[in-house]
Amino acid sequence: MEIEKSTLERAQKWLDGNFDQATKDEVKRMMESAPKELNEAFYQTLEFGTGGLRGIMGVGTNRMNIYTVGMATQGLANYLKKEFAGKPISVAVAHDSRNNSELFAKTTAEIFAANGFTVYLFESLRPTPELSFAIRHLGCQSGVVITASHNPKEYNGYKAYWDDGAQVIAPHDTNIIDEVNKIESVDQVQWKGGEGKIVMIGEDVDKVYLEKVASLTLSPEAVKKHGNASIVYTPIHGTGITLVPRALKECGFTNVTVIEEQATPDGNFPTVVSPNPEEASALKLALERAEKIKADLVIATDPDADRIGIAVRNDEGEMVLLNGNQTGALLTYYLLRRWKELGKLKGKEFIVKTIVTTELFVDIAKSFGVEYYDVLTGFKFIAGIIRDNEGKKQYIGGGEESYGYLAGDFVRDKDAVSASVLIAETFAWAKEQGLSLYQLLNKIYQEYGFYKESMVYIVKQGKDGSEAIAKMMSDMREKTPASLGGSKVVVLKDYKTSQVRNMVTGEVSTIDLPKSNVLQFFTEDGSKVSVRPSGTEPKIKFYFGVREPLNGSVKDADKAATAKIEAIKKDLGI
C-alpha cells in the first residue's frame, strides 16, 4: 500500500530522535515489511481529547506508549504551572490492571516530579473513583489515572482530572489540549530530575475512602438483618478486587463469593472476550457460580472499577442481567425513597442524568419533588453540575445508562465501589419490604410506566473507520427520518449545532448545553433515539428508549416495547 509522505516523515523522526533502541527497531521493521501497521501507527498523532488519551498500545505517534504519555504529561504540567503560578502544585497518580499501566503511571509521576510538583503515587493498582477521591482528600490541583476502562486488552488510556476531583471540562479541557499540542518533540519533556518529590500512598487513603463509602448507608437495620445475603462478585481481572470485597464486608455484607478465576489482576483479561460488565459474556463465570451456590445477587465491576453490572433473580428463580438504566432506576428510587423516609429532603436536593439515559429517572425525581438535571454523555458533566451547585443545593445521586453511578459528592466520577455497596443495601432494604430486587423494579414500572431501553453499537477501526462514522453522522443530519417504528419524528435535537427543530411546525430553538456530536430523534409516541460516536472507542452508538403503558403484565409491556425497538432499528438499517 502507498504510505503518505507525512506518515513517513513522522516515522523517520522516531528513527532519528531520542527514542530507545527497541522502539527504533520496531519502527524500522514496520517501514521495511509492514506498511499497513506503519500507516496506522503514524498516520496521525494520538489526539489528546477533552478526557485525555485513549488508544491501542504500541510504537508510533498514534499509539499509547511512554513517549505519547510523556508528551501529554508535559503539556498538562505546563498548563498547571500557568494556572497555579507561584503556588505549590501537587498531583495524584493511579493506574489500573492493564498491560503497561504501571509503567505509564510511573512515567507520568516522574515527569510531574521533574517539573517540580509533589506527586502522590498509589503504590499499586487502585479503582479510578479512589483517584478522584484522593485529589480532593489530599488537596491536589490535578490528577491522572492510567486506564482504558472497559476497552479491549490492546488499549490503554490517560484520564486527566482537575482540583475538584472531576475529569477536566471547559475551559481547562481545551486549554490543556492547546498546551499538549505545543509539545512536538520528546526533547521538550522533562523526563528526569524530580528525586524526592514522589510520595507513595495506599492504605492511608483506602481507609478514609472506605469510611466515606460506609457513610452513605441509609438502612443499617436492614443490612444488619439481611447482611448474610449470598453475593457473587467478579472484578473481571481488574482493580475492583482491591476494595469492593472489603467495602462490602465493612458495610455489613458477610457472605461474598469472589470468582477466583477472575480475581487476579491481568491486563490480558484471559477469561473474557471483553472486560465490560455491559456484555453478558463477561459475567458468565459469575452467573455459573451464582447458580451453583444459589446466590441472591451477582455484582461485576470493570477493570478500573468505575462501572458496575448486576444480575438478580426473577420470579422463576432464574438469574437475569439488568441493564444500566434498570440498575440506575433501582438506585435512584431507593435513594430518594429513603431520603424522604428519613426526613432528609429539604427542597434543595437534586439528581443528575445524561441525555441518553432513561427518562424514568425524571419521573422518579418528580414524584419525590426532587430537582433533576440533564447533561451531555460523560460523567464529567454530572460532576460539573455538582460543582456548580456546591454550597447551594445537595446532590443525592446520579448516573448514566452505561453502567456508571455516583451517590454522595466525595468522589466526582462514577464509582462502582460505592455502587456495589448501595446495590447490596437496596437488596437488603427490598427484602425487608418482602420484595426481591426484580420485584422492586417491577413495582417501579407499575408506578411510573414500563420503560425499555436498548443500545446498539457499530465498531469501525482505524482511519477508514473514523471516516465511515463521520459519514454516518453527516448522512443522518442531511436526511432526518420521517418516522421511526411507525411513529412520526416530531423533534430533532442536534447538539453539534445546539439546535432543536420541531419537525411539525418548523420552529427552531436553542440547546443550552456545550456542543457535542449527538443527534436525538423524538417521535410522536414518546420514543427517543440518540446517536453519537463514542468519545473513547472506535464506535458509533445508537440508544433506543421507549415507554409502554402498563395495562397488563410487565411481560406483555416488555414484548410490545421490544417490538417497537426492533421496528426502529429496521427503519435505521441497523
Protein backbone atom coordinates (compact mmCIF):
# COMPACT_ATOMS: atom_id res chain seq x y z
CA MET A 1 0.00 0.00 0.00
CA GLU A 2 1.05 3.59 -0.59
CA ILE A 3 2.23 5.46 2.51
CA GLU A 4 1.57 9.18 2.75
CA LYS A 5 4.59 11.47 2.92
CA SER A 6 3.55 12.89 6.33
CA THR A 7 3.36 9.37 7.77
CA LEU A 8 6.87 8.54 6.58
CA GLU A 9 8.16 11.84 7.97
CA ARG A 10 6.74 11.11 11.42
CA ALA A 11 8.22 7.61 11.38
CA GLN A 12 11.63 8.92 10.28
CA LYS A 13 11.68 11.37 13.21
CA TRP A 14 11.31 8.43 15.56
CA LEU A 15 14.21 6.66 13.84
CA ASP A 16 16.40 9.74 14.14
CA GLY A 17 15.26 11.05 17.54
CA ASN A 18 15.95 10.32 21.21
CA PHE A 19 13.96 7.08 21.41
CA ASP A 20 15.09 3.76 22.89
CA GLN A 21 16.62 1.17 20.57
CA ALA A 22 13.72 -1.29 20.85
CA THR A 23 11.34 1.44 19.67
CA LYS A 24 13.61 2.30 16.72
CA ASP A 25 13.91 -1.37 15.77
CA GLU A 26 10.12 -1.68 15.67
CA VAL A 27 9.78 1.45 13.51
CA LYS A 28 12.38 0.07 11.13
CA ARG A 29 10.56 -3.28 10.92
CA MET A 30 7.28 -1.58 10.01
CA MET A 31 8.97 0.63 7.42
CA GLU A 32 10.60 -2.35 5.74
CA SER A 33 7.90 -5.02 5.89
CA ALA A 34 4.61 -3.80 7.44
CA PRO A 35 3.31 -0.73 5.60
CA LYS A 36 -0.24 -1.09 6.89
CA GLU A 37 0.98 -1.23 10.52
CA LEU A 38 3.22 1.77 9.86
CA ASN A 39 0.32 3.75 8.46
CA GLU A 40 -1.94 3.01 11.43
CA ALA A 41 0.85 3.78 13.90
CA PHE A 42 1.98 7.08 12.35
CA TYR A 43 -0.77 8.50 10.11
CA GLN A 44 -1.69 10.93 12.89
CA THR A 45 -0.68 11.95 16.40
CA LEU A 46 -2.80 10.30 19.07
CA GLU A 47 -5.23 13.04 19.96
CA PHE A 48 -5.33 14.39 23.49
CA GLY A 49 -9.08 14.88 23.71
CA THR A 50 -11.24 16.52 26.33
CA GLY A 51 -10.83 13.47 28.59
CA GLY A 52 -7.18 12.72 27.85
CA LEU A 53 -5.70 9.94 25.75
CA ARG A 54 -7.01 6.55 24.74
CA GLY A 55 -5.61 4.27 22.09
CA ILE A 56 -4.01 0.99 21.12
CA MET A 57 -0.66 0.35 22.79
CA GLY A 58 2.44 0.17 20.64
CA VAL A 59 5.14 2.15 18.87
CA GLY A 60 4.14 5.29 16.98
CA THR A 61 2.64 8.75 17.24
CA ASN A 62 -0.85 7.26 17.08
CA ARG A 63 -0.24 4.74 19.84
CA MET A 64 -0.13 4.66 23.64
CA ASN A 65 3.50 4.40 24.72
CA ILE A 66 5.83 6.12 27.18
CA TYR A 67 6.57 8.84 24.64
CA THR A 68 3.00 9.84 23.82
CA VAL A 69 2.18 9.59 27.54
CA GLY A 70 5.25 11.66 28.37
CA MET A 71 4.43 14.43 25.90
CA ALA A 72 0.83 14.59 27.17
CA THR A 73 2.08 14.82 30.76
CA GLN A 74 4.49 17.63 29.92
CA GLY A 75 1.70 19.58 28.23
CA LEU A 76 -0.55 19.12 31.27
CA ALA A 77 2.30 20.13 33.57
CA ASN A 78 2.90 23.31 31.57
CA TYR A 79 -0.77 24.24 31.87
CA LEU A 80 -0.81 23.59 35.61
CA LYS A 81 2.22 25.86 36.05
CA LYS A 82 0.33 28.64 34.24
CA GLU A 83 -2.92 28.15 36.15
CA PHE A 84 -1.31 27.90 39.58
CA ALA A 85 1.61 30.24 39.02
CA GLY A 86 3.55 30.98 42.18
CA LYS A 87 1.76 28.27 44.17
CA PRO A 88 2.96 24.81 45.17
CA ILE A 89 1.41 22.18 42.89
CA SER A 90 0.56 18.61 43.81
CA VAL A 91 -0.97 15.84 41.71
CA ALA A 92 -2.22 12.30 42.37
CA VAL A 93 -1.50 9.40 40.01
CA ALA A 94 -3.09 5.95 39.87
CA HIS A 95 -3.36 3.05 37.43
CA ASP A 96 -5.47 0.00 36.64
CA SER A 97 -4.53 -3.60 35.82
CA ARG A 98 -3.85 -3.18 32.12
CA ASN A 99 -0.60 -4.10 30.44
CA ASN A 100 1.85 -1.17 30.74
CA SER A 101 -0.43 0.73 33.14
CA GLU A 102 2.12 0.64 35.96
CA LEU A 103 4.89 1.76 33.57
CA PHE A 104 2.79 4.63 32.22
CA ALA A 105 1.82 5.72 35.75
CA LYS A 106 5.44 5.70 36.89
CA THR A 107 6.46 7.65 33.78
CA THR A 108 3.71 10.21 34.43
CA ALA A 109 4.73 10.58 38.08
CA GLU A 110 8.41 11.04 37.22
CA ILE A 111 7.66 13.79 34.68
CA PHE A 112 5.37 15.65 37.09
CA ALA A 113 8.08 15.39 39.74
CA ALA A 114 10.73 16.64 37.31
CA ASN A 115 8.51 19.68 36.78
CA GLY A 116 8.72 20.42 40.50
CA PHE A 117 5.35 19.02 41.57
CA THR A 118 4.67 16.92 44.65
CA VAL A 119 3.31 13.63 43.30
CA TYR A 120 1.11 11.26 45.29
CA LEU A 121 1.52 7.93 43.52
CA PHE A 122 -0.56 4.92 44.54
CA GLU A 123 1.73 2.05 45.48
CA SER A 124 -0.26 -0.41 43.36
CA LEU A 125 -3.37 -0.57 41.22
CA ARG A 126 -6.49 1.20 42.53
CA PRO A 127 -10.04 1.96 41.31
CA THR A 128 -10.49 5.16 39.32
CA PRO A 129 -13.00 6.60 41.82
CA GLU A 130 -10.37 6.42 44.56
CA LEU A 131 -8.08 8.58 42.42
CA SER A 132 -10.90 11.14 42.19
CA PHE A 133 -11.32 10.97 45.96
CA ALA A 134 -7.57 11.26 46.60
CA ILE A 135 -7.32 14.51 44.63
CA ARG A 136 -9.88 16.15 46.91
CA HIS A 137 -8.66 14.47 50.07
CA LEU A 138 -5.02 15.46 49.51
CA GLY A 139 -5.78 18.95 48.19
CA CYS A 140 -4.23 18.32 44.79
CA GLN A 141 -4.51 20.62 41.80
CA SER A 142 -4.80 17.76 39.32
CA GLY A 143 -4.57 14.02 38.90
CA VAL A 144 -4.11 11.31 36.31
CA VAL A 145 -5.29 7.73 36.16
CA ILE A 146 -3.87 5.31 33.61
CA THR A 147 -6.79 3.24 32.37
CA ALA A 148 -8.76 2.39 29.27
CA SER A 149 -11.77 1.47 31.39
CA HIS A 150 -13.55 -1.48 29.76
CA ASN A 151 -11.90 -1.30 26.31
CA PRO A 152 -10.31 -4.42 24.78
CA LYS A 153 -6.91 -5.54 26.07
CA GLU A 154 -4.99 -3.84 23.24
CA TYR A 155 -5.96 -0.41 24.60
CA ASN A 156 -4.77 1.85 27.36
CA GLY A 157 -5.63 5.39 28.31
CA TYR A 158 -4.76 8.51 30.27
CA LYS A 159 -7.52 10.40 32.09
CA ALA A 160 -6.80 13.88 33.42
CA TYR A 161 -8.58 15.35 36.46
CA TRP A 162 -8.88 18.84 37.92
CA ASP A 163 -8.71 20.04 41.53
CA ASP A 164 -12.36 19.17 42.26
CA GLY A 165 -11.65 15.50 41.55
CA ALA A 166 -13.59 15.55 38.27
CA GLN A 167 -12.34 14.98 34.77
CA VAL A 168 -11.41 18.28 33.16
CA ILE A 169 -14.12 20.33 31.45
CA ALA A 170 -14.22 23.76 29.81
CA PRO A 171 -12.22 25.90 29.75
CA HIS A 172 -9.44 23.69 31.12
CA ASP A 173 -10.03 20.83 28.69
CA THR A 174 -9.35 22.80 25.51
CA ASN A 175 -6.60 24.84 27.18
CA ILE A 176 -4.79 21.65 28.20
CA ILE A 177 -5.17 20.32 24.65
CA ASP A 178 -3.51 23.50 23.35
CA GLU A 179 -0.56 23.01 25.71
CA VAL A 180 -0.23 19.33 24.83
CA ASN A 181 -0.25 20.17 21.12
CA LYS A 182 2.69 22.54 21.68
CA ILE A 183 4.84 19.57 22.73
CA GLU A 184 6.12 18.50 19.33
CA SER A 185 9.17 16.53 20.41
CA VAL A 186 10.17 14.17 23.20
CA ASP A 187 13.11 16.53 23.75
CA GLN A 188 10.65 19.05 25.24
CA VAL A 189 9.71 16.61 28.01
CA GLN A 190 11.35 16.85 31.44
CA TRP A 191 11.93 13.15 31.96
CA LYS A 192 14.22 13.23 34.98
CA GLY A 193 15.14 15.42 37.93
CA GLY A 194 12.32 15.09 40.44
CA GLU A 195 14.08 12.99 43.04
CA GLY A 196 12.33 13.09 46.40
CA LYS A 197 9.12 14.63 45.02
CA ILE A 198 7.15 11.36 44.72
CA VAL A 199 5.16 10.28 47.80
CA MET A 200 3.78 6.73 47.79
CA ILE A 201 0.20 6.34 49.06
CA GLY A 202 -2.09 3.38 49.63
CA GLU A 203 -3.77 2.10 52.78
CA ASP A 204 -3.84 5.57 54.33
CA VAL A 205 -6.14 6.80 51.56
CA ASP A 206 -8.03 3.47 51.28
CA LYS A 207 -9.13 3.72 54.91
CA VAL A 208 -10.57 7.23 54.65
CA TYR A 209 -12.24 6.49 51.31
CA LEU A 210 -13.95 3.36 52.65
CA GLU A 211 -15.17 5.31 55.69
CA LYS A 212 -16.83 7.74 53.27
CA VAL A 213 -18.41 4.85 51.35
CA ALA A 214 -19.83 3.48 54.61
CA SER A 215 -21.25 6.92 55.44
CA LEU A 216 -23.68 6.58 52.51
CA THR A 217 -25.63 3.86 54.35
CA LEU A 218 -29.32 4.68 54.72
CA SER A 219 -30.72 1.39 56.04
CA PRO A 220 -28.34 -0.02 58.68
CA GLU A 221 -31.04 -2.11 60.35
CA ALA A 222 -31.98 -3.82 57.07
CA VAL A 223 -28.31 -4.50 56.37
CA LYS A 224 -27.84 -5.93 59.86
CA LYS A 225 -30.81 -8.24 59.35
CA HIS A 226 -30.02 -9.33 55.78
CA GLY A 227 -26.25 -8.86 55.60
CA ASN A 228 -25.81 -12.60 55.07
CA ALA A 229 -27.33 -12.37 51.57
CA SER A 230 -25.32 -14.52 49.16
CA ILE A 231 -23.42 -12.21 46.79
CA VAL A 232 -21.15 -13.33 43.95
CA TYR A 233 -18.57 -10.75 42.91
CA THR A 234 -16.16 -10.57 39.99
CA PRO A 235 -13.62 -7.81 39.35
CA ILE A 236 -13.02 -9.20 35.81
CA HIS A 237 -9.23 -9.17 36.39
CA GLY A 238 -9.34 -5.51 37.42
CA THR A 239 -8.85 -3.10 40.29
CA GLY A 240 -12.16 -3.82 42.00
CA ILE A 241 -10.51 -6.69 43.85
CA THR A 242 -8.56 -4.16 45.93
CA LEU A 243 -11.62 -2.53 47.52
CA VAL A 244 -15.03 -3.96 46.58
CA PRO A 245 -14.96 -7.14 48.72
CA ARG A 246 -13.54 -5.11 51.61
CA ALA A 247 -16.15 -2.37 51.21
CA LEU A 248 -18.98 -4.91 51.22
CA LYS A 249 -17.59 -6.61 54.33
CA GLU A 250 -17.02 -3.36 56.22
CA CYS A 251 -20.56 -2.26 55.40
CA GLY A 252 -22.05 -5.46 56.81
CA PHE A 253 -22.24 -7.96 53.94
CA THR A 254 -20.60 -11.11 55.21
CA ASN A 255 -21.35 -13.72 52.53
CA VAL A 256 -19.45 -12.58 49.42
CA THR A 257 -18.05 -15.16 46.99
CA VAL A 258 -15.29 -13.83 44.75
CA ILE A 259 -14.75 -15.51 41.38
CA GLU A 260 -11.19 -16.69 41.86
CA GLU A 261 -10.55 -17.26 38.15
CA GLN A 262 -11.06 -13.51 37.62
CA ALA A 263 -9.69 -12.22 40.93
CA THR A 264 -6.07 -11.84 39.84
CA PRO A 265 -5.39 -8.51 38.07
CA ASP A 266 -4.37 -9.31 34.49
CA GLY A 267 -4.23 -6.93 31.55
CA ASN A 268 -4.76 -9.80 29.11
CA PHE A 269 -8.21 -10.47 30.61
CA PRO A 270 -7.78 -14.21 29.86
CA THR A 271 -11.26 -15.40 30.82
CA VAL A 272 -13.31 -12.90 28.80
CA VAL A 273 -13.54 -11.60 25.25
CA SER A 274 -14.24 -8.12 26.58
CA PRO A 275 -13.80 -6.95 30.22
CA ASN A 276 -17.03 -4.98 30.04
CA PRO A 277 -19.86 -5.59 32.54
CA GLU A 278 -22.26 -4.36 29.86
CA GLU A 279 -21.51 -7.59 27.97
CA ALA A 280 -23.33 -10.68 29.23
CA SER A 281 -20.34 -12.89 28.38
CA ALA A 282 -18.16 -11.01 30.90
CA LEU A 283 -20.44 -12.24 33.71
CA LYS A 284 -20.60 -15.86 32.51
CA LEU A 285 -18.39 -17.32 35.25
CA ALA A 286 -20.12 -15.29 37.94
CA LEU A 287 -23.56 -16.39 36.77
CA GLU A 288 -22.49 -20.02 36.69
CA ARG A 289 -21.20 -19.77 40.26
CA ALA A 290 -24.36 -17.99 41.37
CA GLU A 291 -26.48 -20.86 40.05
CA LYS A 292 -24.24 -23.41 41.73
CA ILE A 293 -24.43 -21.81 45.18
CA LYS A 294 -27.95 -20.34 44.77
CA ALA A 295 -26.69 -16.79 45.27
CA ASP A 296 -29.08 -13.85 45.59
CA LEU A 297 -27.09 -11.25 43.68
CA VAL A 298 -24.23 -11.00 41.17
CA ILE A 299 -22.00 -7.91 41.00
CA ALA A 300 -19.31 -7.28 38.39
CA THR A 301 -17.01 -4.29 38.02
CA ASP A 302 -14.94 -3.25 35.02
CA PRO A 303 -11.10 -3.10 35.05
CA ASP A 304 -10.87 0.33 36.70
CA ALA A 305 -13.93 -0.25 38.93
CA ASP A 306 -15.98 2.74 37.87
CA ARG A 307 -18.74 0.75 36.14
CA ILE A 308 -20.91 -1.95 37.65
CA GLY A 309 -23.09 -4.67 36.16
CA ILE A 310 -25.52 -6.78 38.20
CA ALA A 311 -27.75 -9.82 37.92
CA VAL A 312 -30.76 -10.60 40.11
CA ARG A 313 -33.21 -13.49 40.47
CA ASN A 314 -36.57 -13.20 38.73
CA ASP A 315 -39.84 -14.66 39.98
CA GLU A 316 -38.96 -18.03 38.44
CA GLY A 317 -35.71 -18.11 40.37
CA GLU A 318 -33.54 -17.51 37.30
CA MET A 319 -30.60 -15.11 37.29
CA VAL A 320 -31.28 -12.22 34.90
CA LEU A 321 -28.98 -9.37 33.94
CA LEU A 322 -30.15 -5.82 34.47
CA ASN A 323 -29.09 -3.10 32.06
CA GLY A 324 -27.59 0.20 33.11
CA ASN A 325 -30.89 2.05 33.07
CA GLN A 326 -32.60 -0.56 35.24
CA THR A 327 -29.81 -0.58 37.84
CA GLY A 328 -29.81 3.21 37.84
CA ALA A 329 -33.57 3.33 38.31
CA LEU A 330 -33.33 0.97 41.31
CA LEU A 331 -30.61 3.10 42.91
CA THR A 332 -32.42 6.38 42.21
CA TYR A 333 -35.70 5.10 43.61
CA TYR A 334 -34.01 3.64 46.69
CA LEU A 335 -32.01 6.80 47.44
CA LEU A 336 -34.97 9.15 47.05
CA ARG A 337 -37.36 6.87 48.92
CA ARG A 338 -35.01 6.54 51.89
CA TRP A 339 -34.07 10.23 51.90
CA LYS A 340 -37.78 11.02 52.11
CA GLU A 341 -38.48 8.42 54.82
CA LEU A 342 -35.56 9.70 56.89
CA GLY A 343 -36.72 13.32 56.58
CA LYS A 344 -33.61 14.32 54.64
CA LEU A 345 -35.46 16.01 51.74
CA LYS A 346 -35.49 19.74 52.45
CA GLY A 347 -36.35 21.07 48.99
CA LYS A 348 -32.81 21.80 47.79
CA GLU A 349 -31.79 18.32 46.66
CA PHE A 350 -31.16 17.19 43.08
CA ILE A 351 -30.15 14.27 40.88
CA VAL A 352 -28.37 14.28 37.51
CA LYS A 353 -28.57 12.04 34.46
CA THR A 354 -27.19 12.12 30.94
CA ILE A 355 -29.33 12.86 27.89
CA VAL A 356 -29.17 9.26 26.64
CA THR A 357 -30.23 7.80 29.99
CA THR A 358 -33.81 6.65 30.65
CA GLU A 359 -36.48 9.26 31.30
CA LEU A 360 -37.64 7.02 34.17
CA PHE A 361 -35.09 8.87 36.32
CA VAL A 362 -37.04 12.08 35.64
CA ASP A 363 -40.40 10.56 36.59
CA ILE A 364 -38.97 9.20 39.84
CA ALA A 365 -37.39 12.55 40.74
CA LYS A 366 -40.61 14.45 40.02
CA SER A 367 -42.64 12.09 42.19
CA PHE A 368 -40.42 12.90 45.18
CA GLY A 369 -40.30 16.60 44.42
CA VAL A 370 -36.57 16.44 43.70
CA GLU A 371 -34.96 18.60 41.01
CA TYR A 372 -33.19 16.88 38.13
CA TYR A 373 -30.60 17.93 35.57
CA ASP A 374 -29.91 16.54 32.08
CA VAL A 375 -26.31 16.72 30.87
CA LEU A 376 -24.26 15.52 27.92
CA THR A 377 -22.86 12.00 27.93
CA GLY A 378 -19.86 11.78 30.22
CA PHE A 379 -19.63 11.76 33.98
CA LYS A 380 -17.54 14.94 33.96
CA PHE A 381 -20.72 16.82 33.13
CA ILE A 382 -22.51 15.32 36.12
CA ALA A 383 -19.54 16.39 38.23
CA GLY A 384 -19.81 19.85 36.72
CA ILE A 385 -23.40 20.22 37.93
CA ILE A 386 -22.33 19.09 41.42
CA ARG A 387 -19.57 21.70 41.44
CA ASP A 388 -21.87 24.48 40.18
CA ASN A 389 -24.37 23.77 42.96
CA GLU A 390 -21.84 23.29 45.75
CA GLY A 391 -22.93 25.16 48.87
CA LYS A 392 -26.34 25.94 47.37
CA LYS A 393 -28.02 22.59 46.72
CA GLN A 394 -27.49 18.99 47.86
CA TYR A 395 -26.54 16.31 45.35
CA ILE A 396 -28.13 12.94 46.15
CA GLY A 397 -27.10 10.77 43.25
CA GLY A 398 -26.89 10.39 39.51
CA GLY A 399 -25.90 8.12 36.73
CA GLU A 400 -25.74 7.16 33.11
CA GLU A 401 -27.06 4.25 31.10
CA SER A 402 -23.54 2.94 30.53
CA TYR A 403 -23.42 1.34 34.00
CA GLY A 404 -21.92 4.31 35.84
CA TYR A 405 -23.41 5.73 39.08
CA LEU A 406 -22.45 8.02 41.92
CA ALA A 407 -24.09 8.72 45.27
CA GLY A 408 -22.66 11.40 47.53
CA ASP A 409 -20.15 14.02 46.44
CA PHE A 410 -16.85 12.95 48.00
CA VAL A 411 -16.00 11.34 44.63
CA ARG A 412 -16.56 13.25 41.39
CA ASP A 413 -16.59 10.38 38.92
CA LYS A 414 -18.66 7.24 38.57
CA ASP A 415 -17.93 4.84 41.39
CA ALA A 416 -18.52 1.10 41.23
CA VAL A 417 -17.16 0.58 44.75
CA SER A 418 -19.87 2.64 46.48
CA ALA A 419 -22.44 1.48 43.90
CA SER A 420 -21.69 -2.16 44.80
CA VAL A 421 -22.43 -1.43 48.44
CA LEU A 422 -25.59 0.54 47.62
CA ILE A 423 -26.93 -2.21 45.37
CA ALA A 424 -26.39 -4.75 48.15
CA GLU A 425 -28.07 -2.35 50.58
CA THR A 426 -31.01 -1.87 48.21
CA PHE A 427 -31.34 -5.67 48.12
CA ALA A 428 -31.42 -5.81 51.94
CA TRP A 429 -33.96 -2.97 52.16
CA ALA A 430 -36.19 -4.55 49.49
CA LYS A 431 -36.05 -7.89 51.30
CA GLU A 432 -37.21 -6.13 54.45
CA GLN A 433 -40.23 -4.98 52.41
CA GLY A 434 -40.86 -8.56 51.27
CA LEU A 435 -39.54 -7.89 47.79
CA SER A 436 -36.67 -9.12 45.63
CA LEU A 437 -34.75 -6.59 43.56
CA TYR A 438 -36.55 -7.92 40.49
CA GLN A 439 -39.91 -7.36 42.18
CA LEU A 440 -38.85 -3.89 43.32
CA LEU A 441 -38.02 -2.98 39.73
CA ASN A 442 -41.43 -4.21 38.56
CA LYS A 443 -43.06 -2.21 41.36
CA ILE A 444 -41.30 0.88 39.98
CA TYR A 445 -42.66 0.07 36.50
CA GLN A 446 -46.17 -0.32 37.91
CA GLU A 447 -45.91 3.10 39.50
CA TYR A 448 -44.26 5.02 36.64
CA GLY A 449 -44.97 3.00 33.47
CA PHE A 450 -42.84 0.44 31.67
CA TYR A 451 -39.61 1.80 30.23
CA LYS A 452 -37.34 -0.20 27.98
CA GLU A 453 -34.02 0.88 26.61
CA SER A 454 -31.53 -0.72 24.29
CA MET A 455 -28.18 0.25 22.82
CA VAL A 456 -26.50 -0.95 19.65
CA TYR A 457 -23.01 0.00 18.60
CA ILE A 458 -21.13 -0.46 15.37
CA VAL A 459 -17.33 -0.76 15.56
CA LYS A 460 -15.25 0.94 12.88
CA GLN A 461 -11.49 0.56 13.39
CA GLY A 462 -8.68 2.78 12.14
CA LYS A 463 -8.63 5.73 9.77
CA ASP A 464 -11.24 4.26 7.40
CA GLY A 465 -13.47 3.55 10.37
CA SER A 466 -13.28 7.11 11.65
CA GLU A 467 -14.23 8.41 8.21
CA ALA A 468 -17.14 5.95 7.96
CA ILE A 469 -18.54 7.04 11.33
CA ALA A 470 -18.27 10.70 10.33
CA LYS A 471 -20.20 9.97 7.12
CA MET A 472 -22.96 8.14 9.00
CA MET A 473 -23.49 11.17 11.24
CA SER A 474 -23.41 13.52 8.26
CA ASP A 475 -25.96 11.45 6.35
CA MET A 476 -28.41 11.45 9.28
CA ARG A 477 -28.07 15.21 9.64
CA GLU A 478 -28.80 15.76 5.98
CA LYS A 479 -31.78 13.41 5.85
CA THR A 480 -33.82 13.18 9.05
CA PRO A 481 -36.04 10.06 9.13
CA ALA A 482 -39.72 10.95 8.63
CA SER A 483 -40.80 8.22 11.03
CA LEU A 484 -39.30 5.60 13.32
CA GLY A 485 -41.05 2.44 14.44
CA GLY A 486 -44.27 3.56 12.77
CA SER A 487 -44.40 6.85 14.65
CA LYS A 488 -43.73 10.27 13.15
CA VAL A 489 -40.47 12.03 14.11
CA VAL A 490 -41.64 15.29 15.67
CA VAL A 491 -38.46 16.73 17.20
CA LEU A 492 -34.81 16.66 16.15
CA LYS A 493 -32.11 17.74 18.60
CA ASP A 494 -28.67 18.38 17.14
CA TYR A 495 -26.19 19.03 19.93
CA LYS A 496 -23.45 19.84 17.44
CA THR A 497 -25.35 22.89 16.19
CA SER A 498 -27.13 23.42 19.57
CA GLN A 499 -30.47 23.43 17.78
CA VAL A 500 -33.85 21.86 18.49
CA ARG A 501 -36.07 21.61 15.43
CA ASN A 502 -39.79 20.93 15.65
CA MET A 503 -40.35 18.81 12.54
CA VAL A 504 -44.08 19.62 12.51
CA THR A 505 -44.04 23.41 12.86
CA GLY A 506 -40.51 24.08 11.67
CA GLU A 507 -39.79 26.08 14.83
CA VAL A 508 -36.13 26.15 15.91
CA SER A 509 -34.88 26.73 19.45
CA THR A 510 -31.51 26.56 21.22
CA ILE A 511 -29.98 23.82 23.39
CA ASP A 512 -28.28 25.30 26.46
CA LEU A 513 -25.50 22.71 26.71
CA PRO A 514 -21.95 22.51 25.33
CA LYS A 515 -21.75 21.46 21.70
CA SER A 516 -21.39 17.74 21.11
CA ASN A 517 -21.66 15.41 18.13
CA VAL A 518 -25.02 13.92 19.15
CA LEU A 519 -28.33 13.60 17.32
CA GLN A 520 -31.64 12.81 19.02
CA PHE A 521 -34.92 11.92 17.35
CA PHE A 522 -38.18 12.13 19.33
CA THR A 523 -41.31 10.50 17.95
CA GLU A 524 -44.98 11.19 18.37
CA ASP A 525 -45.49 8.17 20.63
CA GLY A 526 -42.77 9.24 23.07
CA SER A 527 -39.87 7.16 21.79
CA LYS A 528 -36.35 8.62 21.93
CA VAL A 529 -33.44 7.64 19.67
CA SER A 530 -29.97 9.05 20.32
CA VAL A 531 -26.96 8.63 18.03
CA ARG A 532 -23.37 9.54 18.90
CA PRO A 533 -19.85 8.46 18.07
CA SER A 534 -18.06 7.23 21.19
CA GLY A 535 -15.52 9.68 22.54
CA THR A 536 -13.26 6.88 23.81
CA GLU A 537 -13.73 3.95 21.42
CA PRO A 538 -13.94 3.38 17.63
CA LYS A 539 -17.71 3.03 17.78
CA ILE A 540 -20.91 4.76 16.78
CA LYS A 541 -23.67 4.19 19.32
CA PHE A 542 -27.44 4.09 18.88
CA TYR A 543 -29.58 4.43 22.01
CA PHE A 544 -33.26 3.49 21.96
CA GLY A 545 -35.79 4.38 24.65
CA VAL A 546 -39.50 3.60 24.57
CA ARG A 547 -42.30 3.74 27.14
CA GLU A 548 -45.34 1.49 27.22
CA PRO A 549 -48.43 1.94 29.38
CA LEU A 550 -48.67 -0.92 31.88
CA ASN A 551 -52.24 -2.01 31.18
CA GLY A 552 -51.48 -5.70 31.58
CA SER A 553 -48.46 -7.63 32.76
CA VAL A 554 -44.86 -6.43 32.73
CA LYS A 555 -44.08 -9.28 30.31
CA ASP A 556 -46.72 -8.03 27.85
CA ALA A 557 -45.39 -4.47 28.08
CA ASP A 558 -41.85 -5.74 27.57
CA LYS A 559 -42.91 -7.66 24.47
CA ALA A 560 -44.60 -4.59 22.97
CA ALA A 561 -41.63 -2.36 23.80
CA THR A 562 -39.17 -4.85 22.30
CA ALA A 563 -41.17 -4.99 19.08
CA LYS A 564 -41.17 -1.19 18.90
CA ILE A 565 -37.39 -1.01 19.34
CA GLU A 566 -36.84 -3.66 16.66
CA ALA A 567 -39.03 -1.69 14.27
CA ILE A 568 -36.99 1.45 14.91
CA LYS A 569 -33.74 -0.44 14.29
CA LYS A 570 -35.11 -1.73 10.99
CA ASP A 571 -36.03 1.80 9.91
CA LEU A 572 -32.46 2.91 10.65
CA GLY A 573 -30.99 -0.04 8.81
CA ILE A 574 -29.12 -1.49 11.79
